Each structure stands twice: as C-alpha cells, then as structure tokens.
Amino acid sequence: MPSYAKSIPPSPPPSPPWTVAFAQVALGIAARSILSAVDLLERVHAGLPEPPDLADRQEGRKAYDQTTDILATIECVLADNLRPAVEALHRSAQITDAELEAQYREWLQRRLDP
C-alpha cells in the first residue's frame, strides 16, 4: 500500500460566460441536430409498411401492434416535440432585441385595446 494520500484532480477552470451571439450560434447548431433526428424519423415512418388493419388499431377496435405503435410514436414526437423545438430554436437563434421590443409593444397594445 502506498504511503501517500490519493490525489484529487484539480477542477477545470470556470468557463467564460457565453455571449448572445455565441448562444445564438449554438441554438442554430442544436436546431440542425434535431433536424437530423427529424429526417431519420421521417425515413423510418415512410419506410415502415403500414399494417392492413391500421385504421382498426388506431380507432381502438383492435390492439396496437408494434408497427402501429412505432408509426404513432413517430407522428406524435415529430408533431408535438421535435418540429416545435426546431421552430423555437431557429426563432431564438435569429431574434434581435429590436424585434423583441416591437413584439412587446404589440403585446402591450393588444392588452390595452380590448
């Protein structure tokens, strides 16, 4: 057994704060990454043959099978999560303070004018 204490590796130095411009670039990169997942899921959905009784399964007359479940999951994830995420990331990656100020003024105006 060695007679020295186990050393603890030093902590990495803190990273500098992100700039808005750098954050917007990162958001664009994230949106493109998600678009790659969208593309893959669309290819899986298009390439997976539908079961002949898909309507019966979707309408609850028969239990889902694996194919129906996969198709439904892909449709929901694309519509509810991934496409809205890409849209939101693209928006924030390109938005300016001037545009946000204009949106705020419009919101205030709508709020004051019933």
PDB file of N, CA and C in Angstrom:
ATOM      1  N   MET A   1       0.832  -1.171   0.000  1.00  0.00           N
ATOM      2  CA  MET A   1       0.000   0.000   0.000  1.00  0.00           C
ATOM      3  C   MET A   1       0.879   1.238   0.000  1.00  0.00           C
ATOM      4  N   PRO A   2       0.599   2.182  -0.907  1.00  0.00           N
ATOM      5  CA  PRO A   2       1.419   3.391  -0.921  1.00  0.00           C
ATOM      6  C   PRO A   2       1.152   4.226   0.316  1.00  0.00           C
ATOM      7  N   SER A   3       2.168   4.978   0.716  1.00  0.00           N
ATOM      8  CA  SER A   3       2.047   5.794   1.924  1.00  0.00           C
ATOM      9  C   SER A   3       1.537   7.204   1.632  1.00  0.00           C
ATOM     10  N   TYR A   4       1.246   7.523   0.393  1.00  0.00           N
ATOM     11  CA  TYR A   4       0.756   8.869   0.072  1.00  0.00           C
ATOM     12  C   TYR A   4      -0.776   8.845  -0.086  1.00  0.00           C
ATOM     13  N   ALA A   5      -1.377   9.982   0.188  1.00  0.00           N
ATOM     14  CA  ALA A   5      -2.834  10.094   0.055  1.00  0.00           C
ATOM     15  C   ALA A   5      -3.201  10.171  -1.420  1.00  0.00           C
ATOM     16  N   LYS A   6      -4.359   9.653  -1.747  1.00  0.00           N
ATOM     17  CA  LYS A   6      -4.815   9.746  -3.123  1.00  0.00           C
ATOM     18  C   LYS A   6      -5.033  11.212  -3.471  1.00  0.00           C
ATOM     19  N   SER A   7      -4.542  11.585  -4.625  1.00  0.00           N
ATOM     20  CA  SER A   7      -4.713  12.980  -5.017  1.00  0.00           C
ATOM     21  C   SER A   7      -6.048  13.175  -5.712  1.00  0.00           C
ATOM     22  N   ILE A   8      -6.596  14.322  -5.529  1.00  0.00           N
ATOM     23  CA  ILE A   8      -7.850  14.697  -6.169  1.00  0.00           C
ATOM     24  C   ILE A   8      -7.483  15.573  -7.360  1.00  0.00           C
ATOM     25  N   PRO A   9      -7.958  15.196  -8.540  1.00  0.00           N
ATOM     26  CA  PRO A   9      -7.605  16.013  -9.706  1.00  0.00           C
ATOM     27  C   PRO A   9      -8.164  17.422  -9.552  1.00  0.00           C
ATOM     28  N   PRO A  10      -7.453  18.400 -10.076  1.00  0.00           N
ATOM     29  CA  PRO A  10      -7.931  19.775  -9.942  1.00  0.00           C
ATOM     30  C   PRO A  10      -9.206  19.990 -10.758  1.00  0.00           C
ATOM     31  N   SER A  11     -10.019  20.892 -10.287  1.00  0.00           N
ATOM     32  CA  SER A  11     -11.235  21.246 -11.015  1.00  0.00           C
ATOM     33  C   SER A  11     -10.857  22.055 -12.247  1.00  0.00           C
ATOM     34  N   PRO A  12     -11.595  21.868 -13.330  1.00  0.00           N
ATOM     35  CA  PRO A  12     -11.302  22.680 -14.505  1.00  0.00           C
ATOM     36  C   PRO A  12     -11.631  24.143 -14.211  1.00  0.00           C
ATOM     37  N   PRO A  13     -10.927  25.041 -14.863  1.00  0.00           N
ATOM     38  CA  PRO A  13     -11.227  26.455 -14.618  1.00  0.00           C
ATOM     39  C   PRO A  13     -12.637  26.781 -15.116  1.00  0.00           C
ATOM     40  N   PRO A  14     -13.276  27.750 -14.483  1.00  0.00           N
ATOM     41  CA  PRO A  14     -14.626  28.092 -14.929  1.00  0.00           C
ATOM     42  C   PRO A  14     -14.591  28.634 -16.354  1.00  0.00           C
ATOM     43  N   SER A  15     -15.606  28.279 -17.112  1.00  0.00           N
ATOM     44  CA  SER A  15     -15.656  28.773 -18.489  1.00  0.00           C
ATOM     45  C   SER A  15     -16.171  30.204 -18.485  1.00  0.00           C
ATOM     46  N   PRO A  16     -15.711  30.983 -19.450  1.00  0.00           N
ATOM     47  CA  PRO A  16     -16.200  32.364 -19.508  1.00  0.00           C
ATOM     48  C   PRO A  16     -17.681  32.378 -19.860  1.00  0.00           C
ATOM     49  N   PRO A  17     -18.383  33.434 -19.485  1.00  0.00           N
ATOM     50  CA  PRO A  17     -19.811  33.485 -19.826  1.00  0.00           C
ATOM     51  C   PRO A  17     -20.014  33.521 -21.336  1.00  0.00           C
ATOM     52  N   TRP A  18     -21.114  32.978 -21.754  1.00  0.00           N
ATOM     53  CA  TRP A  18     -21.437  32.944 -23.178  1.00  0.00           C
ATOM     54  C   TRP A  18     -21.923  34.321 -23.611  1.00  0.00           C
ATOM     55  N   THR A  19     -21.620  34.671 -24.825  1.00  0.00           N
ATOM     56  CA  THR A  19     -22.186  35.878 -25.406  1.00  0.00           C
ATOM     57  C   THR A  19     -23.503  35.507 -26.074  1.00  0.00           C
ATOM     58  N   VAL A  20     -24.340  36.506 -26.308  1.00  0.00           N
ATOM     59  CA  VAL A  20     -25.598  36.262 -27.000  1.00  0.00           C
ATOM     60  C   VAL A  20     -25.334  35.710 -28.394  1.00  0.00           C
ATOM     61  N   ALA A  21     -24.364  36.271 -29.090  1.00  0.00           N
ATOM     62  CA  ALA A  21     -24.055  35.819 -30.453  1.00  0.00           C
ATOM     63  C   ALA A  21     -23.630  34.352 -30.445  1.00  0.00           C
ATOM     64  N   PHE A  22     -22.781  33.975 -29.488  1.00  0.00           N
ATOM     65  CA  PHE A  22     -22.325  32.592 -29.417  1.00  0.00           C
ATOM     66  C   PHE A  22     -23.487  31.667 -29.063  1.00  0.00           C
ATOM     67  N   ALA A  23     -24.344  32.111 -28.149  1.00  0.00           N
ATOM     68  CA  ALA A  23     -25.515  31.308 -27.777  1.00  0.00           C
ATOM     69  C   ALA A  23     -26.437  31.123 -28.979  1.00  0.00           C
ATOM     70  N   GLN A  24     -26.619  32.163 -29.790  1.00  0.00           N
ATOM     71  CA  GLN A  24     -27.480  32.035 -30.967  1.00  0.00           C
ATOM     72  C   GLN A  24     -26.884  31.057 -31.976  1.00  0.00           C
ATOM     73  N   VAL A  25     -25.570  31.049 -32.118  1.00  0.00           N
ATOM     74  CA  VAL A  25     -24.931  30.065 -32.997  1.00  0.00           C
ATOM     75  C   VAL A  25     -25.185  28.657 -32.460  1.00  0.00           C
ATOM     76  N   ALA A  26     -25.053  28.486 -31.149  1.00  0.00           N
ATOM     77  CA  ALA A  26     -25.285  27.173 -30.536  1.00  0.00           C
ATOM     78  C   ALA A  26     -26.728  26.721 -30.735  1.00  0.00           C
ATOM     79  N   LEU A  27     -27.679  27.650 -30.646  1.00  0.00           N
ATOM     80  CA  LEU A  27     -29.075  27.297 -30.869  1.00  0.00           C
ATOM     81  C   LEU A  27     -29.294  26.831 -32.308  1.00  0.00           C
ATOM     82  N   GLY A  28     -28.635  27.493 -33.245  1.00  0.00           N
ATOM     83  CA  GLY A  28     -28.728  27.068 -34.644  1.00  0.00           C
ATOM     84  C   GLY A  28     -28.159  25.668 -34.843  1.00  0.00           C
ATOM     85  N   ILE A  29     -27.054  25.396 -34.187  1.00  0.00           N
ATOM     86  CA  ILE A  29     -26.454  24.056 -34.274  1.00  0.00           C
ATOM     87  C   ILE A  29     -27.392  23.018 -33.663  1.00  0.00           C
ATOM     88  N   ALA A  30     -27.992  23.348 -32.531  1.00  0.00           N
ATOM     89  CA  ALA A  30     -28.934  22.423 -31.892  1.00  0.00           C
ATOM     90  C   ALA A  30     -30.131  22.164 -32.798  1.00  0.00           C
ATOM     91  N   ALA A  31     -30.636  23.208 -33.452  1.00  0.00           N
ATOM     92  CA  ALA A  31     -31.774  23.039 -34.366  1.00  0.00           C
ATOM     93  C   ALA A  31     -31.403  22.109 -35.514  1.00  0.00           C
ATOM     94  N   ARG A  32     -30.202  22.274 -36.056  1.00  0.00           N
ATOM     95  CA  ARG A  32     -29.770  21.387 -37.144  1.00  0.00           C
ATOM     96  C   ARG A  32     -29.620  19.948 -36.665  1.00  0.00           C
ATOM     97  N   SER A  33     -29.161  19.765 -35.447  1.00  0.00           N
ATOM     98  CA  SER A  33     -29.045  18.408 -34.892  1.00  0.00           C
ATOM     99  C   SER A  33     -30.414  17.761 -34.760  1.00  0.00           C
ATOM    100  N   ILE A  34     -31.377  18.533 -34.282  1.00  0.00           N
ATOM    101  CA  ILE A  34     -32.734  17.997 -34.145  1.00  0.00           C
ATOM    102  C   ILE A  34     -33.317  17.702 -35.520  1.00  0.00           C
ATOM    103  N   LEU A  35     -33.019  18.561 -36.512  1.00  0.00           N
ATOM    104  CA  LEU A  35     -33.498  18.300 -37.870  1.00  0.00           C
ATOM    105  C   LEU A  35     -32.952  16.987 -38.411  1.00  0.00           C
ATOM    106  N   SER A  36     -31.750  16.615 -38.008  1.00  0.00           N
ATOM    107  CA  SER A  36     -31.215  15.309 -38.413  1.00  0.00           C
ATOM    108  C   SER A  36     -32.061  14.185 -37.828  1.00  0.00           C
ATOM    109  N   ALA A  37     -32.478  14.343 -36.575  1.00  0.00           N
ATOM    110  CA  ALA A  37     -33.355  13.336 -35.957  1.00  0.00           C
ATOM    111  C   ALA A  37     -34.714  13.321 -36.652  1.00  0.00           C
ATOM    112  N   VAL A  38     -35.231  14.497 -37.011  1.00  0.00           N
ATOM    113  CA  VAL A  38     -36.496  14.572 -37.740  1.00  0.00           C
ATOM    114  C   VAL A  38     -36.384  13.801 -39.050  1.00  0.00           C
ATOM    115  N   ASP A  39     -35.297  14.031 -39.770  1.00  0.00           N
ATOM    116  CA  ASP A  39     -35.093  13.345 -41.052  1.00  0.00           C
ATOM    117  C   ASP A  39     -35.060  11.830 -40.865  1.00  0.00           C
ATOM    118  N   LEU A  40     -34.336  11.359 -39.877  1.00  0.00           N
ATOM    119  CA  LEU A  40     -34.269   9.921 -39.619  1.00  0.00           C
ATOM    120  C   LEU A  40     -35.654   9.356 -39.301  1.00  0.00           C
ATOM    121  N   LEU A  41     -36.387  10.022 -38.417  1.00  0.00           N
ATOM    122  CA  LEU A  41     -37.714   9.527 -38.054  1.00  0.00           C
ATOM    123  C   LEU A  41     -38.666   9.546 -39.243  1.00  0.00           C
ATOM    124  N   GLU A  42     -38.574  10.577 -40.085  1.00  0.00           N
ATOM    125  CA  GLU A  42     -39.419  10.606 -41.281  1.00  0.00           C
ATOM    126  C   GLU A  42     -39.089   9.448 -42.223  1.00  0.00           C
ATOM    127  N   ARG A  43     -37.806   9.103 -42.333  1.00  0.00           N
ATOM    128  CA  ARG A  43     -37.424   7.976 -43.189  1.00  0.00           C
ATOM    129  C   ARG A  43     -37.921   6.662 -42.613  1.00  0.00           C
ATOM    130  N   VAL A  44     -37.839   6.495 -41.301  1.00  0.00           N
ATOM    131  CA  VAL A  44     -38.370   5.276 -40.667  1.00  0.00           C
ATOM    132  C   VAL A  44     -39.876   5.193 -40.915  1.00  0.00           C
ATOM    133  N   HIS A  45     -40.571   6.291 -40.698  1.00  0.00           N
ATOM    134  CA  HIS A  45     -42.030   6.314 -40.869  1.00  0.00           C
ATOM    135  C   HIS A  45     -42.414   5.986 -42.304  1.00  0.00           C
ATOM    136  N   ALA A  46     -41.709   6.578 -43.263  1.00  0.00           N
ATOM    137  CA  ALA A  46     -42.024   6.339 -44.674  1.00  0.00           C
ATOM    138  C   ALA A  46     -41.664   4.923 -45.114  1.00  0.00           C
ATOM    139  N   GLY A  47     -40.643   4.342 -44.490  1.00  0.00           N
ATOM    140  CA  GLY A  47     -40.179   3.027 -44.919  1.00  0.00           C
ATOM    141  C   GLY A  47     -40.842   1.855 -44.239  1.00  0.00           C
ATOM    142  N   LEU A  48     -41.562   2.110 -43.157  1.00  0.00           N
ATOM    143  CA  LEU A  48     -42.200   1.024 -42.415  1.00  0.00           C
ATOM    144  C   LEU A  48     -43.588   0.782 -42.993  1.00  0.00           C
ATOM    145  N   PRO A  49     -43.819  -0.394 -43.565  1.00  0.00           N
ATOM    146  CA  PRO A  49     -45.138  -0.657 -44.154  1.00  0.00           C
ATOM    147  C   PRO A  49     -46.236  -0.629 -43.093  1.00  0.00           C
ATOM    148  N   GLU A  50     -47.340   0.054 -43.430  1.00  0.00           N
ATOM    149  CA  GLU A  50     -48.481   0.110 -42.516  1.00  0.00           C
ATOM    150  C   GLU A  50     -49.160  -1.251 -42.465  1.00  0.00           C
ATOM    151  N   PRO A  51     -49.646  -1.639 -41.299  1.00  0.00           N
ATOM    152  CA  PRO A  51     -50.415  -2.889 -41.244  1.00  0.00           C
ATOM    153  C   PRO A  51     -51.740  -2.686 -41.989  1.00  0.00           C
ATOM    154  N   PRO A  52     -52.272  -3.736 -42.559  1.00  0.00           N
ATOM    155  CA  PRO A  52     -53.515  -3.599 -43.325  1.00  0.00           C
ATOM    156  C   PRO A  52     -54.698  -3.153 -42.464  1.00  0.00           C
ATOM    157  N   ASP A  53     -54.619  -3.405 -41.169  1.00  0.00           N
ATOM    158  CA  ASP A  53     -55.708  -3.048 -40.263  1.00  0.00           C
ATOM    159  C   ASP A  53     -55.371  -1.825 -39.405  1.00  0.00           C
ATOM    160  N   LEU A  54     -54.586  -0.920 -39.953  1.00  0.00           N
ATOM    161  CA  LEU A  54     -54.121   0.259 -39.207  1.00  0.00           C
ATOM    162  C   LEU A  54     -55.293   1.067 -38.653  1.00  0.00           C
ATOM    163  N   ALA A  55     -56.306   1.317 -39.465  1.00  0.00           N
ATOM    164  CA  ALA A  55     -57.450   2.117 -39.006  1.00  0.00           C
ATOM    165  C   ALA A  55     -58.142   1.460 -37.817  1.00  0.00           C
ATOM    166  N   ASP A  56     -58.305   0.144 -37.868  1.00  0.00           N
ATOM    167  CA  ASP A  56     -58.935  -0.561 -36.746  1.00  0.00           C
ATOM    168  C   ASP A  56     -58.111  -0.405 -35.475  1.00  0.00           C
ATOM    169  N   ARG A  57     -56.812  -0.453 -35.613  1.00  0.00           N
ATOM    170  CA  ARG A  57     -55.930  -0.324 -34.446  1.00  0.00           C
ATOM    171  C   ARG A  57     -55.947   1.109 -33.911  1.00  0.00           C
ATOM    172  N   GLN A  58     -55.917   2.080 -34.816  1.00  0.00           N
ATOM    173  CA  GLN A  58     -55.904   3.480 -34.388  1.00  0.00           C
ATOM    174  C   GLN A  58     -57.226   3.894 -33.750  1.00  0.00           C
ATOM    175  N   GLU A  59     -58.308   3.279 -34.168  1.00  0.00           N
ATOM    176  CA  GLU A  59     -59.631   3.638 -33.649  1.00  0.00           C
ATOM    177  C   GLU A  59     -60.071   2.766 -32.480  1.00  0.00           C
ATOM    178  N   GLY A  60     -59.176   1.920 -31.996  1.00  0.00           N
ATOM    179  CA  GLY A  60     -59.453   1.152 -30.796  1.00  0.00           C
ATOM    180  C   GLY A  60     -60.261  -0.112 -30.991  1.00  0.00           C
ATOM    181  N   ARG A  61     -60.495  -0.521 -32.235  1.00  0.00           N
ATOM    182  CA  ARG A  61     -61.225  -1.770 -32.463  1.00  0.00           C
ATOM    183  C   ARG A  61     -60.308  -2.985 -32.321  1.00  0.00           C
ATOM    184  N   LYS A  62     -59.010  -2.745 -32.411  1.00  0.00           N
ATOM    185  CA  LYS A  62     -58.008  -3.801 -32.215  1.00  0.00           C
ATOM    186  C   LYS A  62     -56.858  -3.188 -31.419  1.00  0.00           C
ATOM    187  N   ALA A  63     -56.113  -4.072 -30.755  1.00  0.00           N
ATOM    188  CA  ALA A  63     -54.945  -3.612 -30.007  1.00  0.00           C
ATOM    189  C   ALA A  63     -53.863  -3.125 -30.977  1.00  0.00           C
ATOM    190  N   TYR A  64     -53.071  -2.179 -30.510  1.00  0.00           N
ATOM    191  CA  TYR A  64     -51.909  -1.763 -31.295  1.00  0.00           C
ATOM    192  C   TYR A  64     -50.970  -2.948 -31.455  1.00  0.00           C
ATOM    193  N   ASP A  65     -50.317  -3.002 -32.586  1.00  0.00           N
ATOM    194  CA  ASP A  65     -49.186  -3.905 -32.760  1.00  0.00           C
ATOM    195  C   ASP A  65     -47.933  -3.026 -32.759  1.00  0.00           C
ATOM    196  N   GLN A  66     -46.775  -3.644 -32.875  1.00  0.00           N
ATOM    197  CA  GLN A  66     -45.526  -2.876 -32.818  1.00  0.00           C
ATOM    198  C   GLN A  66     -45.456  -1.815 -33.915  1.00  0.00           C
ATOM    199  N   THR A  67     -45.869  -2.176 -35.121  1.00  0.00           N
ATOM    200  CA  THR A  67     -45.804  -1.236 -36.237  1.00  0.00           C
ATOM    201  C   THR A  67     -46.682  -0.018 -35.980  1.00  0.00           C
ATOM    202  N   THR A  68     -47.910  -0.249 -35.546  1.00  0.00           N
ATOM    203  CA  THR A  68     -48.818   0.865 -35.265  1.00  0.00           C
ATOM    204  C   THR A  68     -48.263   1.745 -34.168  1.00  0.00           C
ATOM    205  N   ASP A  69     -47.700   1.135 -33.142  1.00  0.00           N
ATOM    206  CA  ASP A  69     -47.121   1.895 -32.044  1.00  0.00           C
ATOM    207  C   ASP A  69     -45.952   2.757 -32.534  1.00  0.00           C
ATOM    208  N   ILE A  70     -45.075   2.177 -33.343  1.00  0.00           N
ATOM    209  CA  ILE A  70     -43.926   2.917 -33.861  1.00  0.00           C
ATOM    210  C   ILE A  70     -44.388   4.083 -34.726  1.00  0.00           C
ATOM    211  N   LEU A  71     -45.320   3.830 -35.635  1.00  0.00           N
ATOM    212  CA  LEU A  71     -45.815   4.892 -36.504  1.00  0.00           C
ATOM    213  C   LEU A  71     -46.459   6.018 -35.692  1.00  0.00           C
ATOM    214  N   ALA A  72     -47.287   5.648 -34.711  1.00  0.00           N
ATOM    215  CA  ALA A  72     -47.958   6.653 -33.881  1.00  0.00           C
ATOM    216  C   ALA A  72     -46.953   7.442 -33.044  1.00  0.00           C
ATOM    217  N   THR A  73     -45.971   6.759 -32.498  1.00  0.00           N
ATOM    218  CA  THR A  73     -44.955   7.436 -31.694  1.00  0.00           C
ATOM    219  C   THR A  73     -44.189   8.446 -32.531  1.00  0.00           C
ATOM    220  N   ILE A  74     -43.776   8.041 -33.710  1.00  0.00           N
ATOM    221  CA  ILE A  74     -43.038   8.949 -34.587  1.00  0.00           C
ATOM    222  C   ILE A  74     -43.894  10.167 -34.928  1.00  0.00           C
ATOM    223  N   GLU A  75     -45.159   9.931 -35.302  1.00  0.00           N
ATOM    224  CA  GLU A  75     -46.042  11.049 -35.645  1.00  0.00           C
ATOM    225  C   GLU A  75     -46.181  12.025 -34.480  1.00  0.00           C
ATOM    226  N   CYS A  76     -46.378  11.507 -33.285  1.00  0.00           N
ATOM    227  CA  CYS A  76     -46.556  12.371 -32.110  1.00  0.00           C
ATOM    228  C   CYS A  76     -45.273  13.118 -31.753  1.00  0.00           C
ATOM    229  N   VAL A  77     -44.161  12.424 -31.754  1.00  0.00           N
ATOM    230  CA  VAL A  77     -42.895  13.066 -31.395  1.00  0.00           C
ATOM    231  C   VAL A  77     -42.549  14.168 -32.390  1.00  0.00           C
ATOM    232  N   LEU A  78     -42.770  13.910 -33.672  1.00  0.00           N
ATOM    233  CA  LEU A  78     -42.493  14.936 -34.685  1.00  0.00           C
ATOM    234  C   LEU A  78     -43.406  16.142 -34.505  1.00  0.00           C
ATOM    235  N   ALA A  79     -44.704  15.898 -34.371  1.00  0.00           N
ATOM    236  CA  ALA A  79     -45.666  16.998 -34.308  1.00  0.00           C
ATOM    237  C   ALA A  79     -45.629  17.755 -32.978  1.00  0.00           C
ATOM    238  N   ASP A  80     -45.483  17.023 -31.884  1.00  0.00           N
ATOM    239  CA  ASP A  80     -45.597  17.647 -30.567  1.00  0.00           C
ATOM    240  C   ASP A  80     -44.277  18.150 -30.000  1.00  0.00           C
ATOM    241  N   ASN A  81     -43.163  17.555 -30.409  1.00  0.00           N
ATOM    242  CA  ASN A  81     -41.896  17.879 -29.768  1.00  0.00           C
ATOM    243  C   ASN A  81     -40.842  18.427 -30.715  1.00  0.00           C
ATOM    244  N   LEU A  82     -40.462  17.629 -31.694  1.00  0.00           N
ATOM    245  CA  LEU A  82     -39.273  17.987 -32.476  1.00  0.00           C
ATOM    246  C   LEU A  82     -39.489  19.174 -33.405  1.00  0.00           C
ATOM    247  N   ARG A  83     -40.559  19.171 -34.179  1.00  0.00           N
ATOM    248  CA  ARG A  83     -40.781  20.313 -35.090  1.00  0.00           C
ATOM    249  C   ARG A  83     -40.990  21.611 -34.325  1.00  0.00           C
ATOM    250  N   PRO A  84     -41.789  21.623 -33.243  1.00  0.00           N
ATOM    251  CA  PRO A  84     -41.884  22.862 -32.465  1.00  0.00           C
ATOM    252  C   PRO A  84     -40.539  23.282 -31.840  1.00  0.00           C
ATOM    253  N   ALA A  85     -39.736  22.315 -31.434  1.00  0.00           N
ATOM    254  CA  ALA A  85     -38.425  22.648 -30.864  1.00  0.00           C
ATOM    255  C   ALA A  85     -37.537  23.304 -31.906  1.00  0.00           C
ATOM    256  N   VAL A  86     -37.529  22.757 -33.115  1.00  0.00           N
ATOM    257  CA  VAL A  86     -36.717  23.343 -34.186  1.00  0.00           C
ATOM    258  C   VAL A  86     -37.177  24.766 -34.469  1.00  0.00           C
ATOM    259  N   GLU A  87     -38.487  24.947 -34.548  1.00  0.00           N
ATOM    260  CA  GLU A  87     -39.027  26.289 -34.819  1.00  0.00           C
ATOM    261  C   GLU A  87     -38.623  27.274 -33.716  1.00  0.00           C
ATOM    262  N   ALA A  88     -38.749  26.864 -32.468  1.00  0.00           N
ATOM    263  CA  ALA A  88     -38.403  27.749 -31.350  1.00  0.00           C
ATOM    264  C   ALA A  88     -36.899  28.061 -31.334  1.00  0.00           C
ATOM    265  N   LEU A  89     -36.082  27.058 -31.576  1.00  0.00           N
ATOM    266  CA  LEU A  89     -34.635  27.285 -31.598  1.00  0.00           C
ATOM    267  C   LEU A  89     -34.224  28.211 -32.738  1.00  0.00           C
ATOM    268  N   HIS A  90     -34.797  27.985 -33.934  1.00  0.00           N
ATOM    269  CA  HIS A  90     -34.499  28.877 -35.066  1.00  0.00           C
ATOM    270  C   HIS A  90     -34.898  30.310 -34.745  1.00  0.00           C
ATOM    271  N   ARG A  91     -36.067  30.474 -34.143  1.00  0.00           N
ATOM    272  CA  ARG A  91     -36.543  31.810 -33.800  1.00  0.00           C
ATOM    273  C   ARG A  91     -35.562  32.502 -32.856  1.00  0.00           C
ATOM    274  N   SER A  92     -35.203  31.840 -31.790  1.00  0.00           N
ATOM    275  CA  SER A  92     -34.295  32.459 -30.823  1.00  0.00           C
ATOM    276  C   SER A  92     -32.888  32.628 -31.375  1.00  0.00           C
ATOM    277  N   ALA A  93     -32.514  31.791 -32.322  1.00  0.00           N
ATOM    278  CA  ALA A  93     -31.175  31.909 -32.922  1.00  0.00           C
ATOM    279  C   ALA A  93     -31.072  33.149 -33.808  1.00  0.00           C
ATOM    280  N   GLN A  94     -32.216  33.681 -34.238  1.00  0.00           N
ATOM    281  CA  GLN A  94     -32.191  34.801 -35.173  1.00  0.00           C
ATOM    282  C   GLN A  94     -32.789  36.085 -34.609  1.00  0.00           C
ATOM    283  N   ILE A  95     -33.455  36.028 -33.477  1.00  0.00           N
ATOM    284  CA  ILE A  95     -34.184  37.184 -32.954  1.00  0.00           C
ATOM    285  C   ILE A  95     -33.227  38.294 -32.520  1.00  0.00           C
ATOM    286  N   THR A  96     -33.678  39.520 -32.672  1.00  0.00           N
ATOM    287  CA  THR A  96     -32.883  40.672 -32.232  1.00  0.00           C
ATOM    288  C   THR A  96     -33.618  41.379 -31.100  1.00  0.00           C
ATOM    289  N   ASP A  97     -32.890  42.214 -30.375  1.00  0.00           N
ATOM    290  CA  ASP A  97     -33.529  43.000 -29.322  1.00  0.00           C
ATOM    291  C   ASP A  97     -34.596  43.923 -29.907  1.00  0.00           C
ATOM    292  N   ALA A  98     -34.346  44.484 -31.084  1.00  0.00           N
ATOM    293  CA  ALA A  98     -35.324  45.369 -31.721  1.00  0.00           C
ATOM    294  C   ALA A  98     -36.613  44.620 -32.030  1.00  0.00           C
ATOM    295  N   GLU A  99     -36.506  43.389 -32.536  1.00  0.00           N
ATOM    296  CA  GLU A  99     -37.702  42.592 -32.822  1.00  0.00           C
ATOM    297  C   GLU A  99     -38.453  42.253 -31.537  1.00  0.00           C
ATOM    298  N   LEU A 100     -37.725  41.931 -30.494  1.00  0.00           N
ATOM    299  CA  LEU A 100     -38.364  41.617 -29.216  1.00  0.00           C
ATOM    300  C   LEU A 100     -39.066  42.845 -28.641  1.00  0.00           C
ATOM    301  N   GLU A 101     -38.453  43.996 -28.781  1.00  0.00           N
ATOM    302  CA  GLU A 101     -39.075  45.237 -28.322  1.00  0.00           C
ATOM    303  C   GLU A 101     -40.363  45.512 -29.097  1.00  0.00           C
ATOM    304  N   ALA A 102     -40.337  45.322 -30.406  1.00  0.00           N
ATOM    305  CA  ALA A 102     -41.535  45.533 -31.231  1.00  0.00           C
ATOM    306  C   ALA A 102     -42.633  44.542 -30.845  1.00  0.00           C
ATOM    307  N   GLN A 103     -42.271  43.298 -30.611  1.00  0.00           N
ATOM    308  CA  GLN A 103     -43.258  42.300 -30.187  1.00  0.00           C
ATOM    309  C   GLN A 103     -43.873  42.696 -28.839  1.00  0.00           C
ATOM    310  N   TYR A 104     -43.054  43.197 -27.952  1.00  0.00           N
ATOM    311  CA  TYR A 104     -43.541  43.620 -26.633  1.00  0.00           C
ATOM    312  C   TYR A 104     -44.516  44.784 -26.774  1.00  0.00           C
ATOM    313  N   ARG A 105     -44.175  45.758 -27.613  1.00  0.00           N
ATOM    314  CA  ARG A 105     -45.070  46.902 -27.822  1.00  0.00           C
ATOM    315  C   ARG A 105     -46.408  46.431 -28.407  1.00  0.00           C
ATOM    316  N   GLU A 106     -46.365  45.501 -29.364  1.00  0.00           N
ATOM    317  CA  GLU A 106     -47.602  44.961 -29.938  1.00  0.00           C
ATOM    318  C   GLU A 106     -48.426  44.237 -28.871  1.00  0.00           C
ATOM    319  N   TRP A 107     -47.759  43.486 -28.027  1.00  0.00           N
ATOM    320  CA  TRP A 107     -48.450  42.767 -26.964  1.00  0.00           C
ATOM    321  C   TRP A 107     -49.119  43.751 -26.007  1.00  0.00           C
ATOM    322  N   LEU A 108     -48.383  44.800 -25.633  1.00  0.00           N
ATOM    323  CA  LEU A 108     -48.955  45.812 -24.744  1.00  0.00           C
ATOM    324  C   LEU A 108     -50.172  46.474 -25.388  1.00  0.00           C
ATOM    325  N   GLN A 109     -50.066  46.793 -26.664  1.00  0.00           N
ATOM    326  CA  GLN A 109     -51.161  47.444 -27.366  1.00  0.00           C
ATOM    327  C   GLN A 109     -52.396  46.557 -27.388  1.00  0.00           C
ATOM    328  N   ARG A 110     -52.223  45.278 -27.672  1.00  0.00           N
ATOM    329  CA  ARG A 110     -53.357  44.335 -27.677  1.00  0.00           C
ATOM    330  C   ARG A 110     -53.981  44.223 -26.290  1.00  0.00           C
ATOM    331  N   ARG A 111     -53.154  44.292 -25.289  1.00  0.00           N
ATOM    332  CA  ARG A 111     -53.627  44.189 -23.916  1.00  0.00           C
ATOM    333  C   ARG A 111     -54.437  45.409 -23.503  1.00  0.00           C
ATOM    334  N   LEU A 112     -54.039  46.558 -23.988  1.00  0.00           N
ATOM    335  CA  LEU A 112     -54.715  47.796 -23.629  1.00  0.00           C
ATOM    336  C   LEU A 112     -55.954  48.064 -24.470  1.00  0.00           C
ATOM    337  N   ASP A 113     -55.966  47.547 -25.713  1.00  0.00           N
ATOM    338  CA  ASP A 113     -57.108  47.733 -26.606  1.00  0.00           C
ATOM    339  C   ASP A 113     -57.952  46.454 -26.630  1.00  0.00           C
ATOM    340  N   PRO A 114     -59.036  46.428 -25.844  1.00  0.00           N
ATOM    341  CA  PRO A 114     -59.853  45.204 -25.816  1.00  0.00           C
ATOM    342  C   PRO A 114     -60.600  44.960 -27.064  1.00  0.00           C
TER     343      PRO A 114
END
